[in-house]
Amino acid sequence: MIYQEDVRDLFSVPEEYYLAHCISADFAMGKGIVVEFNKRFQMKQRLRQAYPNYLERFVAEQMEGDCILMGRVLNLITKERYFHKPTISTMRTALQKMKEISEEEGISKIAMPMIGAGLDRLQWKDVAAQIKDVFQRSDVELLVCRLK
């Protein structure tokens, strides 16, 4: 694993990077950086179309976290509803799913914002530690794009 944090616009990274961000299982996507993901990739519409009963399945299976690859976007699902807050445990489960997908799909570069540390109110040092732990034995290059 190569891990790097850099002050830059997430959406300015080269096309070879897959982009990761956190969402809720209800695909509400109304605040924060997900608004930009919707504008650029129509993510909310595409997810709802591809997974019309996803929230019901997430609840029925009592899922802790998940990750859905849509195009070049890795959607980390860390909570059931948009108004809930994730835990470090649900974040870790979603990161583990993201790692599995990256291995299955041959994804070698992932860029992300400081996931979970904005509106979701997790401590960045805790999230960063989980990212490094989950990906420690992988060949994935991880780039965290920080705001100024």
N, C-alpha and C. Protein backbone atom coordinates (compact mmCIF):
# COMPACT_ATOMS: atom_id res chain seq x y z
N MET A 1 0.84 -1.17 0.00
CA MET A 1 0.00 0.00 0.00
C MET A 1 0.89 1.24 0.00
N ILE A 2 0.46 2.20 -0.79
CA ILE A 2 1.05 3.53 -0.74
C ILE A 2 -0.06 4.45 -0.26
N TYR A 3 0.21 5.18 0.80
CA TYR A 3 -0.78 6.09 1.39
C TYR A 3 -0.20 7.49 1.36
N GLN A 4 -1.00 8.42 0.86
CA GLN A 4 -0.54 9.81 0.77
C GLN A 4 -1.72 10.75 1.03
N GLU A 5 -1.46 11.82 1.75
CA GLU A 5 -2.44 12.88 1.93
C GLU A 5 -1.88 14.11 1.24
N ASP A 6 -2.73 14.80 0.49
CA ASP A 6 -2.29 15.96 -0.27
C ASP A 6 -3.40 17.01 -0.29
N VAL A 7 -3.03 18.27 -0.27
CA VAL A 7 -4.01 19.35 -0.40
C VAL A 7 -4.28 19.53 -1.88
N ARG A 8 -5.46 19.08 -2.31
CA ARG A 8 -5.85 19.20 -3.71
C ARG A 8 -7.33 18.90 -3.88
N ASP A 9 -7.84 19.29 -5.03
CA ASP A 9 -9.23 19.04 -5.38
C ASP A 9 -9.37 17.57 -5.79
N LEU A 10 -10.23 16.85 -5.11
CA LEU A 10 -10.45 15.44 -5.40
C LEU A 10 -10.76 15.22 -6.88
N PHE A 11 -11.51 16.11 -7.47
CA PHE A 11 -11.97 15.92 -8.84
C PHE A 11 -10.93 16.33 -9.88
N SER A 12 -9.74 16.70 -9.41
CA SER A 12 -8.66 17.06 -10.33
C SER A 12 -7.65 15.92 -10.50
N VAL A 13 -7.86 14.81 -9.81
CA VAL A 13 -6.92 13.69 -9.91
C VAL A 13 -7.03 13.06 -11.30
N PRO A 14 -5.96 12.43 -11.79
CA PRO A 14 -6.01 11.78 -13.11
C PRO A 14 -7.10 10.71 -13.19
N GLU A 15 -7.56 10.45 -14.40
CA GLU A 15 -8.65 9.50 -14.67
C GLU A 15 -8.34 8.07 -14.20
N GLU A 16 -7.06 7.74 -14.03
CA GLU A 16 -6.71 6.38 -13.60
C GLU A 16 -7.11 6.10 -12.16
N TYR A 17 -7.45 7.14 -11.40
CA TYR A 17 -7.90 6.98 -10.02
C TYR A 17 -9.39 6.69 -9.98
N TYR A 18 -9.75 5.74 -9.13
CA TYR A 18 -11.15 5.56 -8.78
C TYR A 18 -11.40 6.53 -7.62
N LEU A 19 -12.61 7.02 -7.50
CA LEU A 19 -12.96 7.98 -6.45
C LEU A 19 -13.84 7.31 -5.42
N ALA A 20 -13.53 7.52 -4.14
CA ALA A 20 -14.31 6.92 -3.06
C ALA A 20 -14.94 8.03 -2.21
N HIS A 21 -16.14 7.78 -1.73
CA HIS A 21 -16.81 8.69 -0.80
C HIS A 21 -17.83 7.89 -0.01
N CYS A 22 -18.36 8.50 1.05
CA CYS A 22 -19.33 7.83 1.93
C CYS A 22 -20.75 8.29 1.65
N ILE A 23 -21.66 7.32 1.70
CA ILE A 23 -23.08 7.62 1.53
C ILE A 23 -23.88 6.78 2.53
N SER A 24 -25.18 7.02 2.57
CA SER A 24 -26.08 6.23 3.40
C SER A 24 -26.83 5.24 2.51
N ALA A 25 -27.36 4.20 3.12
CA ALA A 25 -28.06 3.14 2.40
C ALA A 25 -29.37 3.63 1.77
N ASP A 26 -29.87 4.78 2.19
CA ASP A 26 -31.09 5.32 1.57
C ASP A 26 -30.78 6.13 0.32
N PHE A 27 -29.50 6.27 -0.03
CA PHE A 27 -29.05 7.01 -1.21
C PHE A 27 -29.60 8.44 -1.24
N ALA A 28 -29.78 9.07 -0.09
CA ALA A 28 -30.35 10.42 -0.03
C ALA A 28 -29.42 11.45 -0.69
N MET A 29 -28.18 11.46 -0.33
CA MET A 29 -27.14 12.27 -0.97
C MET A 29 -27.51 13.74 -1.15
N GLY A 30 -27.80 14.42 -0.06
CA GLY A 30 -28.25 15.80 -0.17
C GLY A 30 -27.30 16.86 0.34
N LYS A 31 -26.24 16.47 1.06
CA LYS A 31 -25.32 17.45 1.64
C LYS A 31 -23.88 17.00 1.48
N GLY A 32 -22.98 17.96 1.52
CA GLY A 32 -21.57 17.66 1.50
C GLY A 32 -21.06 17.35 0.10
N ILE A 33 -19.97 16.61 0.05
CA ILE A 33 -19.30 16.33 -1.23
C ILE A 33 -20.14 15.43 -2.14
N VAL A 34 -21.10 14.69 -1.59
CA VAL A 34 -21.94 13.84 -2.43
C VAL A 34 -22.74 14.66 -3.44
N VAL A 35 -23.01 15.90 -3.12
CA VAL A 35 -23.72 16.78 -4.06
C VAL A 35 -22.89 16.92 -5.34
N GLU A 36 -21.59 17.07 -5.19
CA GLU A 36 -20.69 17.17 -6.34
C GLU A 36 -20.60 15.84 -7.09
N PHE A 37 -20.61 14.72 -6.37
CA PHE A 37 -20.63 13.41 -7.02
C PHE A 37 -21.89 13.26 -7.86
N ASN A 38 -23.02 13.73 -7.34
CA ASN A 38 -24.28 13.68 -8.10
C ASN A 38 -24.20 14.52 -9.35
N LYS A 39 -23.66 15.72 -9.21
CA LYS A 39 -23.57 16.64 -10.35
C LYS A 39 -22.69 16.04 -11.45
N ARG A 40 -21.57 15.46 -11.06
CA ARG A 40 -20.60 14.95 -12.04
C ARG A 40 -20.94 13.56 -12.57
N PHE A 41 -21.52 12.69 -11.74
CA PHE A 41 -21.71 11.29 -12.12
C PHE A 41 -23.16 10.80 -12.05
N GLN A 42 -24.12 11.68 -11.69
CA GLN A 42 -25.53 11.27 -11.53
C GLN A 42 -25.62 10.05 -10.62
N MET A 43 -24.84 10.06 -9.55
CA MET A 43 -24.68 8.89 -8.69
C MET A 43 -25.98 8.46 -8.02
N LYS A 44 -26.74 9.40 -7.48
CA LYS A 44 -27.99 9.07 -6.79
C LYS A 44 -28.96 8.35 -7.73
N GLN A 45 -29.15 8.92 -8.89
CA GLN A 45 -30.06 8.34 -9.88
C GLN A 45 -29.58 6.97 -10.33
N ARG A 46 -28.30 6.82 -10.60
CA ARG A 46 -27.75 5.56 -11.07
C ARG A 46 -27.85 4.47 -10.00
N LEU A 47 -27.57 4.82 -8.75
CA LEU A 47 -27.67 3.83 -7.67
C LEU A 47 -29.11 3.41 -7.43
N ARG A 48 -30.02 4.38 -7.42
CA ARG A 48 -31.44 4.04 -7.19
C ARG A 48 -31.99 3.17 -8.31
N GLN A 49 -31.53 3.42 -9.52
CA GLN A 49 -31.98 2.62 -10.66
C GLN A 49 -31.41 1.20 -10.59
N ALA A 50 -30.12 1.08 -10.27
CA ALA A 50 -29.46 -0.22 -10.23
C ALA A 50 -29.84 -1.04 -8.99
N TYR A 51 -30.16 -0.35 -7.89
CA TYR A 51 -30.44 -1.02 -6.61
C TYR A 51 -31.72 -0.46 -5.99
N PRO A 52 -32.88 -0.71 -6.61
CA PRO A 52 -34.13 -0.09 -6.14
C PRO A 52 -34.56 -0.48 -4.73
N ASN A 53 -34.18 -1.65 -4.26
CA ASN A 53 -34.58 -2.12 -2.92
C ASN A 53 -33.39 -2.22 -1.98
N TYR A 54 -32.36 -1.43 -2.22
CA TYR A 54 -31.13 -1.56 -1.45
C TYR A 54 -31.34 -1.29 0.04
N LEU A 55 -32.04 -0.23 0.39
CA LEU A 55 -32.25 0.12 1.81
C LEU A 55 -32.94 -1.03 2.55
N GLU A 56 -33.96 -1.60 1.93
CA GLU A 56 -34.68 -2.70 2.56
C GLU A 56 -33.75 -3.89 2.81
N ARG A 57 -32.90 -4.20 1.83
CA ARG A 57 -31.94 -5.32 1.99
C ARG A 57 -30.91 -5.01 3.06
N PHE A 58 -30.42 -3.76 3.07
CA PHE A 58 -29.43 -3.33 4.07
C PHE A 58 -29.99 -3.52 5.48
N VAL A 59 -31.24 -3.13 5.67
CA VAL A 59 -31.90 -3.26 6.97
C VAL A 59 -32.18 -4.73 7.29
N ALA A 60 -32.77 -5.46 6.33
CA ALA A 60 -33.15 -6.86 6.57
C ALA A 60 -31.93 -7.72 6.90
N GLU A 61 -30.82 -7.45 6.24
CA GLU A 61 -29.61 -8.25 6.48
C GLU A 61 -28.75 -7.68 7.61
N GLN A 62 -29.25 -6.62 8.24
CA GLN A 62 -28.53 -5.97 9.35
C GLN A 62 -27.07 -5.72 8.98
N MET A 63 -26.89 -5.13 7.81
CA MET A 63 -25.54 -4.87 7.30
C MET A 63 -24.86 -3.78 8.13
N GLU A 64 -23.59 -3.97 8.42
CA GLU A 64 -22.79 -3.00 9.16
C GLU A 64 -22.26 -1.91 8.24
N GLY A 65 -21.96 -2.27 7.02
CA GLY A 65 -21.40 -1.36 6.04
C GLY A 65 -21.29 -2.09 4.72
N ASP A 66 -21.03 -1.35 3.66
CA ASP A 66 -20.96 -1.96 2.34
C ASP A 66 -20.21 -1.02 1.41
N CYS A 67 -19.99 -1.47 0.20
CA CYS A 67 -19.37 -0.64 -0.81
C CYS A 67 -19.94 -1.06 -2.16
N ILE A 68 -20.36 -0.09 -2.95
CA ILE A 68 -20.90 -0.36 -4.29
C ILE A 68 -20.03 0.39 -5.29
N LEU A 69 -19.51 -0.35 -6.27
CA LEU A 69 -18.76 0.26 -7.36
C LEU A 69 -19.72 0.63 -8.47
N MET A 70 -19.70 1.90 -8.86
CA MET A 70 -20.55 2.39 -9.95
C MET A 70 -19.65 3.22 -10.85
N GLY A 71 -19.33 2.69 -12.01
CA GLY A 71 -18.38 3.37 -12.89
C GLY A 71 -17.02 3.39 -12.22
N ARG A 72 -16.46 4.60 -12.06
CA ARG A 72 -15.18 4.69 -11.35
C ARG A 72 -15.35 5.26 -9.94
N VAL A 73 -16.56 5.13 -9.40
CA VAL A 73 -16.85 5.64 -8.06
C VAL A 73 -17.13 4.48 -7.10
N LEU A 74 -16.40 4.48 -5.99
CA LEU A 74 -16.61 3.53 -4.91
C LEU A 74 -17.46 4.21 -3.85
N ASN A 75 -18.69 3.75 -3.72
CA ASN A 75 -19.64 4.33 -2.78
C ASN A 75 -19.60 3.53 -1.49
N LEU A 76 -18.98 4.08 -0.46
CA LEU A 76 -18.87 3.42 0.84
C LEU A 76 -20.15 3.69 1.62
N ILE A 77 -20.90 2.65 1.93
CA ILE A 77 -22.13 2.81 2.68
C ILE A 77 -21.82 2.55 4.15
N THR A 78 -21.89 3.61 4.94
CA THR A 78 -21.45 3.55 6.34
C THR A 78 -22.58 3.75 7.35
N LYS A 79 -23.80 3.94 6.84
CA LYS A 79 -24.94 4.15 7.74
C LYS A 79 -26.22 3.85 6.99
N GLU A 80 -27.29 3.61 7.75
CA GLU A 80 -28.57 3.26 7.15
C GLU A 80 -29.25 4.46 6.49
N ARG A 81 -29.37 5.55 7.22
CA ARG A 81 -30.09 6.74 6.72
C ARG A 81 -29.20 7.97 6.78
N TYR A 82 -29.52 8.93 5.93
CA TYR A 82 -28.68 10.12 5.79
C TYR A 82 -28.49 10.88 7.10
N PHE A 83 -29.48 10.83 7.99
CA PHE A 83 -29.39 11.61 9.24
C PHE A 83 -28.70 10.83 10.36
N HIS A 84 -28.35 9.57 10.12
CA HIS A 84 -27.58 8.80 11.09
C HIS A 84 -26.11 9.17 10.99
N LYS A 85 -25.34 8.77 11.97
CA LYS A 85 -23.89 8.97 11.96
C LYS A 85 -23.22 7.60 11.91
N PRO A 86 -22.17 7.45 11.12
CA PRO A 86 -21.47 6.18 11.09
C PRO A 86 -20.65 5.97 12.36
N THR A 87 -20.22 4.76 12.56
CA THR A 87 -19.28 4.46 13.64
C THR A 87 -17.97 4.04 13.00
N ILE A 88 -16.94 3.96 13.78
CA ILE A 88 -15.66 3.50 13.24
C ILE A 88 -15.79 2.05 12.78
N SER A 89 -16.68 1.29 13.40
CA SER A 89 -16.92 -0.09 13.00
C SER A 89 -17.61 -0.18 11.63
N THR A 90 -18.63 0.64 11.39
CA THR A 90 -19.30 0.61 10.08
C THR A 90 -18.35 1.13 9.00
N MET A 91 -17.51 2.10 9.36
CA MET A 91 -16.52 2.60 8.41
C MET A 91 -15.54 1.48 8.04
N ARG A 92 -15.08 0.74 9.02
CA ARG A 92 -14.12 -0.34 8.76
C ARG A 92 -14.75 -1.41 7.86
N THR A 93 -15.99 -1.77 8.12
CA THR A 93 -16.66 -2.77 7.28
C THR A 93 -16.76 -2.29 5.84
N ALA A 94 -17.12 -1.03 5.64
CA ALA A 94 -17.21 -0.47 4.29
C ALA A 94 -15.83 -0.45 3.62
N LEU A 95 -14.80 -0.10 4.38
CA LEU A 95 -13.43 -0.10 3.83
C LEU A 95 -12.99 -1.51 3.44
N GLN A 96 -13.36 -2.50 4.24
CA GLN A 96 -13.02 -3.88 3.91
C GLN A 96 -13.70 -4.31 2.61
N LYS A 97 -14.95 -3.90 2.43
CA LYS A 97 -15.67 -4.19 1.18
C LYS A 97 -14.99 -3.49 0.01
N MET A 98 -14.55 -2.25 0.23
CA MET A 98 -13.86 -1.51 -0.83
C MET A 98 -12.56 -2.22 -1.21
N LYS A 99 -11.86 -2.73 -0.24
CA LYS A 99 -10.62 -3.47 -0.52
C LYS A 99 -10.93 -4.73 -1.34
N GLU A 100 -11.97 -5.47 -0.96
CA GLU A 100 -12.37 -6.66 -1.71
C GLU A 100 -12.67 -6.32 -3.17
N ILE A 101 -13.43 -5.25 -3.37
CA ILE A 101 -13.78 -4.82 -4.73
C ILE A 101 -12.52 -4.43 -5.50
N SER A 102 -11.62 -3.70 -4.85
CA SER A 102 -10.40 -3.27 -5.54
C SER A 102 -9.56 -4.48 -5.96
N GLU A 103 -9.52 -5.51 -5.13
CA GLU A 103 -8.79 -6.73 -5.49
C GLU A 103 -9.47 -7.48 -6.64
N GLU A 104 -10.80 -7.60 -6.56
CA GLU A 104 -11.56 -8.32 -7.59
C GLU A 104 -11.50 -7.61 -8.94
N GLU A 105 -11.53 -6.29 -8.92
CA GLU A 105 -11.60 -5.50 -10.15
C GLU A 105 -10.24 -5.01 -10.64
N GLY A 106 -9.18 -5.31 -9.90
CA GLY A 106 -7.85 -4.86 -10.30
C GLY A 106 -7.66 -3.36 -10.18
N ILE A 107 -8.32 -2.76 -9.21
CA ILE A 107 -8.20 -1.31 -8.98
C ILE A 107 -6.91 -1.06 -8.21
N SER A 108 -6.05 -0.19 -8.76
CA SER A 108 -4.75 0.03 -8.12
C SER A 108 -4.59 1.44 -7.55
N LYS A 109 -5.50 2.35 -7.89
CA LYS A 109 -5.40 3.72 -7.39
C LYS A 109 -6.77 4.23 -6.97
N ILE A 110 -6.85 4.72 -5.73
CA ILE A 110 -8.10 5.25 -5.19
C ILE A 110 -7.82 6.61 -4.57
N ALA A 111 -8.63 7.59 -4.93
CA ALA A 111 -8.55 8.92 -4.31
C ALA A 111 -9.85 9.15 -3.55
N MET A 112 -9.74 9.85 -2.43
CA MET A 112 -10.92 10.09 -1.59
C MET A 112 -10.74 11.38 -0.81
N PRO A 113 -11.83 11.98 -0.37
CA PRO A 113 -11.72 13.09 0.58
C PRO A 113 -11.44 12.50 1.96
N MET A 114 -11.44 13.32 2.97
CA MET A 114 -11.27 12.84 4.35
C MET A 114 -12.60 12.23 4.79
N ILE A 115 -12.83 11.01 4.31
CA ILE A 115 -14.12 10.34 4.49
C ILE A 115 -14.49 10.21 5.97
N GLY A 116 -15.76 10.44 6.25
CA GLY A 116 -16.28 10.29 7.60
C GLY A 116 -15.94 11.41 8.56
N ALA A 117 -15.05 12.31 8.16
CA ALA A 117 -14.57 13.33 9.10
C ALA A 117 -15.26 14.69 8.93
N GLY A 118 -16.13 14.81 7.95
CA GLY A 118 -16.84 16.06 7.76
C GLY A 118 -18.18 16.04 8.48
N LEU A 119 -19.24 15.98 7.70
CA LEU A 119 -20.59 15.95 8.26
C LEU A 119 -20.84 14.72 9.13
N ASP A 120 -20.11 13.65 8.88
CA ASP A 120 -20.30 12.41 9.66
C ASP A 120 -19.62 12.43 11.02
N ARG A 121 -18.75 13.40 11.25
CA ARG A 121 -18.17 13.70 12.57
C ARG A 121 -17.28 12.62 13.19
N LEU A 122 -16.71 11.75 12.38
CA LEU A 122 -15.70 10.84 12.92
C LEU A 122 -14.38 11.59 13.01
N GLN A 123 -13.49 11.15 13.86
CA GLN A 123 -12.16 11.76 13.97
C GLN A 123 -11.29 11.24 12.83
N TRP A 124 -10.68 12.18 12.09
CA TRP A 124 -9.90 11.78 10.93
C TRP A 124 -8.76 10.83 11.31
N LYS A 125 -8.10 11.06 12.42
CA LYS A 125 -6.99 10.18 12.82
C LYS A 125 -7.47 8.74 12.98
N ASP A 126 -8.69 8.55 13.46
CA ASP A 126 -9.25 7.21 13.63
C ASP A 126 -9.59 6.58 12.27
N VAL A 127 -10.18 7.37 11.39
CA VAL A 127 -10.52 6.87 10.05
C VAL A 127 -9.24 6.53 9.28
N ALA A 128 -8.26 7.44 9.31
CA ALA A 128 -6.99 7.20 8.62
C ALA A 128 -6.33 5.92 9.12
N ALA A 129 -6.38 5.68 10.42
CA ALA A 129 -5.81 4.46 10.99
C ALA A 129 -6.52 3.22 10.44
N GLN A 130 -7.83 3.28 10.29
CA GLN A 130 -8.60 2.15 9.74
C GLN A 130 -8.22 1.92 8.27
N ILE A 131 -8.11 3.00 7.50
CA ILE A 131 -7.73 2.88 6.09
C ILE A 131 -6.38 2.18 5.98
N LYS A 132 -5.42 2.66 6.74
CA LYS A 132 -4.07 2.08 6.69
C LYS A 132 -4.06 0.63 7.15
N ASP A 133 -4.85 0.30 8.15
CA ASP A 133 -4.89 -1.07 8.65
C ASP A 133 -5.54 -2.00 7.63
N VAL A 134 -6.67 -1.60 7.08
CA VAL A 134 -7.39 -2.45 6.12
C VAL A 134 -6.56 -2.68 4.86
N PHE A 135 -5.87 -1.66 4.37
CA PHE A 135 -5.15 -1.75 3.11
C PHE A 135 -3.65 -2.07 3.27
N GLN A 136 -3.20 -2.34 4.50
CA GLN A 136 -1.77 -2.49 4.74
C GLN A 136 -1.09 -3.55 3.88
N ARG A 137 -1.75 -4.62 3.56
CA ARG A 137 -1.15 -5.69 2.76
C ARG A 137 -1.68 -5.71 1.33
N SER A 138 -2.00 -4.55 0.80
CA SER A 138 -2.51 -4.48 -0.57
C SER A 138 -1.54 -3.67 -1.43
N ASP A 139 -1.76 -3.74 -2.72
CA ASP A 139 -0.94 -2.98 -3.66
C ASP A 139 -1.63 -1.69 -4.10
N VAL A 140 -2.70 -1.32 -3.44
CA VAL A 140 -3.46 -0.13 -3.82
C VAL A 140 -2.76 1.14 -3.36
N GLU A 141 -2.73 2.12 -4.25
CA GLU A 141 -2.23 3.45 -3.93
C GLU A 141 -3.43 4.29 -3.51
N LEU A 142 -3.37 4.82 -2.29
CA LEU A 142 -4.47 5.60 -1.73
C LEU A 142 -4.05 7.06 -1.62
N LEU A 143 -4.86 7.94 -2.17
CA LEU A 143 -4.60 9.37 -2.12
C LEU A 143 -5.77 10.05 -1.42
N VAL A 144 -5.48 10.69 -0.28
CA VAL A 144 -6.50 11.44 0.44
C VAL A 144 -6.34 12.90 0.04
N CYS A 145 -7.41 13.46 -0.51
CA CYS A 145 -7.39 14.86 -0.95
C CYS A 145 -7.99 15.71 0.15
N ARG A 146 -7.14 16.53 0.74
CA ARG A 146 -7.54 17.40 1.85
C ARG A 146 -7.88 18.78 1.32
N LEU A 147 -8.78 19.43 2.04
CA LEU A 147 -9.06 20.83 1.73
C LEU A 147 -7.95 21.69 2.34
N LYS A 148 -7.84 22.90 1.86
CA LYS A 148 -6.80 23.80 2.39
C LYS A 148 -7.00 24.12 3.84
